[in-house]
Amino acid sequence: MLRQVFLALSRSQGLGEFVVRFPIAQRMSRRFVAGETLREAIEAIRSLNQRGILATIDHLQESITS
């Protein structure tokens, strides 16, 4: 049941726009989301690497079923 709620939220265009637009939502997600594009994610990883922090990138897509 909770899975269905999260899937519905992931498909919500309004929620996506909220996260992109509002600074508080950006601050809350910044730790977990390196960027909206591969280029942004790579830049975030390079910045961490320069500070001696190793990291990985996971490419997640909406509505993954397997």
PDB file of N, CA and C in Angstrom:
ATOM      1  N   MET A   1       0.813  -1.192   0.000  1.00  0.00           N
ATOM      2  CA  MET A   1       0.000   0.000   0.000  1.00  0.00           C
ATOM      3  C   MET A   1       0.862   1.264   0.000  1.00  0.00           C
ATOM      4  N   LEU A   2       1.881   1.310   0.845  1.00  0.00           N
ATOM      5  CA  LEU A   2       2.772   2.456   0.900  1.00  0.00           C
ATOM      6  C   LEU A   2       3.530   2.617  -0.412  1.00  0.00           C
ATOM      7  N   ARG A   3       3.850   1.488  -1.036  1.00  0.00           N
ATOM      8  CA  ARG A   3       4.546   1.522  -2.332  1.00  0.00           C
ATOM      9  C   ARG A   3       3.717   2.293  -3.352  1.00  0.00           C
ATOM     10  N   GLN A   4       2.409   2.049  -3.367  1.00  0.00           N
ATOM     11  CA  GLN A   4       1.521   2.729  -4.310  1.00  0.00           C
ATOM     12  C   GLN A   4       1.501   4.238  -4.055  1.00  0.00           C
ATOM     13  N   VAL A   5       1.551   4.625  -2.797  1.00  0.00           N
ATOM     14  CA  VAL A   5       1.573   6.052  -2.448  1.00  0.00           C
ATOM     15  C   VAL A   5       2.840   6.697  -3.001  1.00  0.00           C
ATOM     16  N   PHE A   6       3.987   6.052  -2.788  1.00  0.00           N
ATOM     17  CA  PHE A   6       5.247   6.608  -3.276  1.00  0.00           C
ATOM     18  C   PHE A   6       5.295   6.649  -4.803  1.00  0.00           C
ATOM     19  N   LEU A   7       4.761   5.639  -5.448  1.00  0.00           N
ATOM     20  CA  LEU A   7       4.712   5.657  -6.913  1.00  0.00           C
ATOM     21  C   LEU A   7       3.833   6.799  -7.415  1.00  0.00           C
ATOM     22  N   ALA A   8       2.711   7.018  -6.773  1.00  0.00           N
ATOM     23  CA  ALA A   8       1.829   8.119  -7.162  1.00  0.00           C
ATOM     24  C   ALA A   8       2.531   9.461  -6.968  1.00  0.00           C
ATOM     25  N   LEU A   9       3.233   9.613  -5.858  1.00  0.00           N
ATOM     26  CA  LEU A   9       3.975  10.852  -5.609  1.00  0.00           C
ATOM     27  C   LEU A   9       5.068  11.058  -6.644  1.00  0.00           C
ATOM     28  N   SER A  10       5.748   9.981  -7.048  1.00  0.00           N
ATOM     29  CA  SER A  10       6.829  10.099  -8.026  1.00  0.00           C
ATOM     30  C   SER A  10       6.314  10.540  -9.385  1.00  0.00           C
ATOM     31  N   ARG A  11       5.042  10.280  -9.666  1.00  0.00           N
ATOM     32  CA  ARG A  11       4.450  10.667 -10.950  1.00  0.00           C
ATOM     33  C   ARG A  11       3.826  12.066 -10.910  1.00  0.00           C
ATOM     34  N   SER A  12       3.787  12.665  -9.749  1.00  0.00           N
ATOM     35  CA  SER A  12       3.114  13.942  -9.577  1.00  0.00           C
ATOM     36  C   SER A  12       3.953  15.083 -10.153  1.00  0.00           C
ATOM     37  N   GLN A  13       3.450  15.696 -11.202  1.00  0.00           N
ATOM     38  CA  GLN A  13       4.148  16.826 -11.797  1.00  0.00           C
ATOM     39  C   GLN A  13       4.200  18.002 -10.825  1.00  0.00           C
ATOM     40  N   GLY A  14       3.116  18.210 -10.092  1.00  0.00           N
ATOM     41  CA  GLY A  14       3.073  19.305  -9.125  1.00  0.00           C
ATOM     42  C   GLY A  14       4.115  19.160  -8.030  1.00  0.00           C
ATOM     43  N   LEU A  15       4.293  17.940  -7.530  1.00  0.00           N
ATOM     44  CA  LEU A  15       5.306  17.704  -6.498  1.00  0.00           C
ATOM     45  C   LEU A  15       6.701  17.939  -7.058  1.00  0.00           C
ATOM     46  N   GLY A  16       6.931  17.496  -8.290  1.00  0.00           N
ATOM     47  CA  GLY A  16       8.224  17.716  -8.932  1.00  0.00           C
ATOM     48  C   GLY A  16       8.534  19.194  -9.083  1.00  0.00           C
ATOM     49  N   GLU A  17       7.547  19.970  -9.481  1.00  0.00           N
ATOM     50  CA  GLU A  17       7.731  21.415  -9.615  1.00  0.00           C
ATOM     51  C   GLU A  17       7.975  22.061  -8.255  1.00  0.00           C
ATOM     52  N   PHE A  18       7.310  21.568  -7.227  1.00  0.00           N
ATOM     53  CA  PHE A  18       7.515  22.086  -5.869  1.00  0.00           C
ATOM     54  C   PHE A  18       8.969  21.906  -5.440  1.00  0.00           C
ATOM     55  N   VAL A  19       9.488  20.712  -5.653  1.00  0.00           N
ATOM     56  CA  VAL A  19      10.862  20.418  -5.226  1.00  0.00           C
ATOM     57  C   VAL A  19      11.859  21.267  -5.999  1.00  0.00           C
ATOM     58  N   VAL A  20      11.605  21.480  -7.275  1.00  0.00           N
ATOM     59  CA  VAL A  20      12.531  22.265  -8.095  1.00  0.00           C
ATOM     60  C   VAL A  20      12.461  23.746  -7.738  1.00  0.00           C
ATOM     61  N   ARG A  21      11.291  24.244  -7.369  1.00  0.00           N
ATOM     62  CA  ARG A  21      11.094  25.674  -7.157  1.00  0.00           C
ATOM     63  C   ARG A  21      11.415  26.200  -5.769  1.00  0.00           C
ATOM     64  N   PHE A  22      11.088  25.453  -4.745  1.00  0.00           N
ATOM     65  CA  PHE A  22      11.148  25.993  -3.396  1.00  0.00           C
ATOM     66  C   PHE A  22      12.458  25.656  -2.693  1.00  0.00           C
ATOM     67  N   PRO A  23      13.146  26.685  -2.191  1.00  0.00           N
ATOM     68  CA  PRO A  23      14.456  26.492  -1.565  1.00  0.00           C
ATOM     69  C   PRO A  23      14.464  25.472  -0.435  1.00  0.00           C
ATOM     70  N   ILE A  24      13.435  25.448   0.399  1.00  0.00           N
ATOM     71  CA  ILE A  24      13.452  24.505   1.524  1.00  0.00           C
ATOM     72  C   ILE A  24      13.412  23.064   1.011  1.00  0.00           C
ATOM     73  N   ALA A  25      12.644  22.817  -0.026  1.00  0.00           N
ATOM     74  CA  ALA A  25      12.595  21.476  -0.607  1.00  0.00           C
ATOM     75  C   ALA A  25      13.938  21.125  -1.251  1.00  0.00           C
ATOM     76  N   GLN A  26      14.577  22.097  -1.883  1.00  0.00           N
ATOM     77  CA  GLN A  26      15.897  21.872  -2.484  1.00  0.00           C
ATOM     78  C   GLN A  26      16.923  21.521  -1.413  1.00  0.00           C
ATOM     79  N   ARG A  27      16.899  22.248  -0.302  1.00  0.00           N
ATOM     80  CA  ARG A  27      17.860  21.968   0.783  1.00  0.00           C
ATOM     81  C   ARG A  27      17.644  20.584   1.360  1.00  0.00           C
ATOM     82  N   MET A  28      16.389  20.165   1.442  1.00  0.00           N
ATOM     83  CA  MET A  28      16.095  18.846   2.012  1.00  0.00           C
ATOM     84  C   MET A  28      16.546  17.724   1.080  1.00  0.00           C
ATOM     85  N   SER A  29      16.466  17.935  -0.216  1.00  0.00           N
ATOM     86  CA  SER A  29      16.807  16.868  -1.165  1.00  0.00           C
ATOM     87  C   SER A  29      18.251  16.932  -1.638  1.00  0.00           C
ATOM     88  N   ARG A  30      18.929  18.045  -1.453  1.00  0.00           N
ATOM     89  CA  ARG A  30      20.291  18.234  -1.980  1.00  0.00           C
ATOM     90  C   ARG A  30      21.257  17.143  -1.520  1.00  0.00           C
ATOM     91  N   ARG A  31      21.107  16.694  -0.292  1.00  0.00           N
ATOM     92  CA  ARG A  31      22.010  15.677   0.240  1.00  0.00           C
ATOM     93  C   ARG A  31      21.866  14.345  -0.500  1.00  0.00           C
ATOM     94  N   PHE A  32      20.691  14.095  -1.039  1.00  0.00           N
ATOM     95  CA  PHE A  32      20.407  12.809  -1.656  1.00  0.00           C
ATOM     96  C   PHE A  32      20.374  12.847  -3.178  1.00  0.00           C
ATOM     97  N   VAL A  33      20.209  14.026  -3.748  1.00  0.00           N
ATOM     98  CA  VAL A  33      20.107  14.166  -5.202  1.00  0.00           C
ATOM     99  C   VAL A  33      21.240  15.067  -5.681  1.00  0.00           C
ATOM    100  N   ALA A  34      22.159  14.480  -6.428  1.00  0.00           N
ATOM    101  CA  ALA A  34      23.335  15.225  -6.878  1.00  0.00           C
ATOM    102  C   ALA A  34      23.007  16.204  -7.993  1.00  0.00           C
ATOM    103  N   GLY A  35      21.950  15.974  -8.713  1.00  0.00           N
ATOM    104  CA  GLY A  35      21.567  16.869  -9.797  1.00  0.00           C
ATOM    105  C   GLY A  35      20.468  16.271 -10.633  1.00  0.00           C
ATOM    106  N   GLU A  36      19.934  17.097 -11.490  1.00  0.00           N
ATOM    107  CA  GLU A  36      18.878  16.631 -12.376  1.00  0.00           C
ATOM    108  C   GLU A  36      19.438  16.079 -13.682  1.00  0.00           C
ATOM    109  N   THR A  37      20.701  16.350 -13.957  1.00  0.00           N
ATOM    110  CA  THR A  37      21.337  15.856 -15.180  1.00  0.00           C
ATOM    111  C   THR A  37      22.602  15.092 -14.809  1.00  0.00           C
ATOM    112  N   LEU A  38      23.079  14.282 -15.741  1.00  0.00           N
ATOM    113  CA  LEU A  38      24.322  13.550 -15.521  1.00  0.00           C
ATOM    114  C   LEU A  38      25.473  14.519 -15.291  1.00  0.00           C
ATOM    115  N   ARG A  39      25.496  15.608 -16.032  1.00  0.00           N
ATOM    116  CA  ARG A  39      26.575  16.609 -15.883  1.00  0.00           C
ATOM    117  C   ARG A  39      26.606  17.160 -14.453  1.00  0.00           C
ATOM    118  N   GLU A  40      25.439  17.492 -13.893  1.00  0.00           N
ATOM    119  CA  GLU A  40      25.378  18.003 -12.520  1.00  0.00           C
ATOM    120  C   GLU A  40      25.846  16.953 -11.520  1.00  0.00           C
ATOM    121  N   ALA A  41      25.477  15.711 -11.747  1.00  0.00           N
ATOM    122  CA  ALA A  41      25.893  14.639 -10.840  1.00  0.00           C
ATOM    123  C   ALA A  41      27.406  14.449 -10.885  1.00  0.00           C
ATOM    124  N   ILE A  42      27.981  14.472 -12.067  1.00  0.00           N
ATOM    125  CA  ILE A  42      29.435  14.311 -12.197  1.00  0.00           C
ATOM    126  C   ILE A  42      30.163  15.465 -11.524  1.00  0.00           C
ATOM    127  N   GLU A  43      29.661  16.677 -11.680  1.00  0.00           N
ATOM    128  CA  GLU A  43      30.271  17.830 -11.003  1.00  0.00           C
ATOM    129  C   GLU A  43      30.224  17.672  -9.488  1.00  0.00           C
ATOM    130  N   ALA A  44      29.107  17.168  -8.970  1.00  0.00           N
ATOM    131  CA  ALA A  44      28.981  16.954  -7.524  1.00  0.00           C
ATOM    132  C   ALA A  44      29.970  15.898  -7.046  1.00  0.00           C
ATOM    133  N   ILE A  45      30.121  14.811  -7.808  1.00  0.00           N
ATOM    134  CA  ILE A  45      31.071  13.756  -7.447  1.00  0.00           C
ATOM    135  C   ILE A  45      32.504  14.283  -7.490  1.00  0.00           C
ATOM    136  N   ARG A  46      32.835  15.060  -8.497  1.00  0.00           N
ATOM    137  CA  ARG A  46      34.194  15.634  -8.587  1.00  0.00           C
ATOM    138  C   ARG A  46      34.482  16.536  -7.388  1.00  0.00           C
ATOM    139  N   SER A  47      33.496  17.308  -6.988  1.00  0.00           N
ATOM    140  CA  SER A  47      33.671  18.177  -5.827  1.00  0.00           C
ATOM    141  C   SER A  47      33.932  17.351  -4.568  1.00  0.00           C
ATOM    142  N   LEU A  48      33.192  16.269  -4.399  1.00  0.00           N
ATOM    143  CA  LEU A  48      33.416  15.382  -3.248  1.00  0.00           C
ATOM    144  C   LEU A  48      34.795  14.731  -3.328  1.00  0.00           C
ATOM    145  N   ASN A  49      35.180  14.272  -4.520  1.00  0.00           N
ATOM    146  CA  ASN A  49      36.486  13.636  -4.701  1.00  0.00           C
ATOM    147  C   ASN A  49      37.625  14.584  -4.337  1.00  0.00           C
ATOM    148  N   GLN A  50      37.499  15.856  -4.689  1.00  0.00           N
ATOM    149  CA  GLN A  50      38.529  16.842  -4.363  1.00  0.00           C
ATOM    150  C   GLN A  50      38.683  17.017  -2.859  1.00  0.00           C
ATOM    151  N   ARG A  51      37.615  16.711  -2.120  1.00  0.00           N
ATOM    152  CA  ARG A  51      37.658  16.797  -0.659  1.00  0.00           C
ATOM    153  C   ARG A  51      38.050  15.466  -0.028  1.00  0.00           C
ATOM    154  N   GLY A  52      38.432  14.493  -0.879  1.00  0.00           N
ATOM    155  CA  GLY A  52      38.860  13.196  -0.376  1.00  0.00           C
ATOM    156  C   GLY A  52      37.714  12.249  -0.065  1.00  0.00           C
ATOM    157  N   ILE A  53      36.539  12.537  -0.593  1.00  0.00           N
ATOM    158  CA  ILE A  53      35.362  11.704  -0.339  1.00  0.00           C
ATOM    159  C   ILE A  53      35.048  10.893  -1.586  1.00  0.00           C
ATOM    160  N   LEU A  54      34.960   9.579  -1.427  1.00  0.00           N
ATOM    161  CA  LEU A  54      34.579   8.717  -2.542  1.00  0.00           C
ATOM    162  C   LEU A  54      33.059   8.634  -2.612  1.00  0.00           C
ATOM    163  N   ALA A  55      32.527   8.519  -3.818  1.00  0.00           N
ATOM    164  CA  ALA A  55      31.075   8.465  -3.983  1.00  0.00           C
ATOM    165  C   ALA A  55      30.719   7.654  -5.216  1.00  0.00           C
ATOM    166  N   THR A  56      29.481   7.245  -5.281  1.00  0.00           N
ATOM    167  CA  THR A  56      28.962   6.550  -6.458  1.00  0.00           C
ATOM    168  C   THR A  56      27.744   7.294  -6.967  1.00  0.00           C
ATOM    169  N   ILE A  57      27.401   7.029  -8.208  1.00  0.00           N
ATOM    170  CA  ILE A  57      26.204   7.609  -8.808  1.00  0.00           C
ATOM    171  C   ILE A  57      25.241   6.471  -9.110  1.00  0.00           C
ATOM    172  N   ASP A  58      24.024   6.624  -8.676  1.00  0.00           N
ATOM    173  CA  ASP A  58      22.961   5.670  -9.003  1.00  0.00           C
ATOM    174  C   ASP A  58      21.950   6.412  -9.875  1.00  0.00           C
ATOM    175  N   HIS A  59      21.681   5.866 -11.029  1.00  0.00           N
ATOM    176  CA  HIS A  59      20.703   6.472 -11.927  1.00  0.00           C
ATOM    177  C   HIS A  59      19.346   5.830 -11.660  1.00  0.00           C
ATOM    178  N   LEU A  60      18.483   6.579 -11.046  1.00  0.00           N
ATOM    179  CA  LEU A  60      17.157   6.058 -10.705  1.00  0.00           C
ATOM    180  C   LEU A  60      16.133   6.655 -11.657  1.00  0.00           C
ATOM    181  N   GLN A  61      15.175   5.844 -12.024  1.00  0.00           N
ATOM    182  CA  GLN A  61      14.102   6.328 -12.893  1.00  0.00           C
ATOM    183  C   GLN A  61      12.773   6.147 -12.188  1.00  0.00           C
ATOM    184  N   GLU A  62      11.813   6.902 -12.624  1.00  0.00           N
ATOM    185  CA  GLU A  62      10.482   6.836 -12.033  1.00  0.00           C
ATOM    186  C   GLU A  62       9.843   5.476 -12.322  1.00  0.00           C
ATOM    187  N   SER A  63       9.091   4.991 -11.376  1.00  0.00           N
ATOM    188  CA  SER A  63       8.260   3.803 -11.536  1.00  0.00           C
ATOM    189  C   SER A  63       9.041   2.537 -11.888  1.00  0.00           C
ATOM    190  N   ILE A  64      10.187   2.352 -11.268  1.00  0.00           N
ATOM    191  CA  ILE A  64      10.954   1.137 -11.484  1.00  0.00           C
ATOM    192  C   ILE A  64      10.142  -0.032 -10.942  1.00  0.00           C
ATOM    193  N   THR A  65      10.018  -1.100 -11.713  1.00  0.00           N
ATOM    194  CA  THR A  65       9.222  -2.242 -11.261  1.00  0.00           C
ATOM    195  C   THR A  65      10.057  -3.480 -10.992  1.00  0.00           C
ATOM    196  N   SER A  66      11.331  -3.450 -11.335  1.00  0.00           N
ATOM    197  CA  SER A  66      12.173  -4.618 -11.063  1.00  0.00           C
ATOM    198  C   SER A  66      13.581  -4.195 -10.671  1.00  0.00           C
TER     199      SER A  66
END
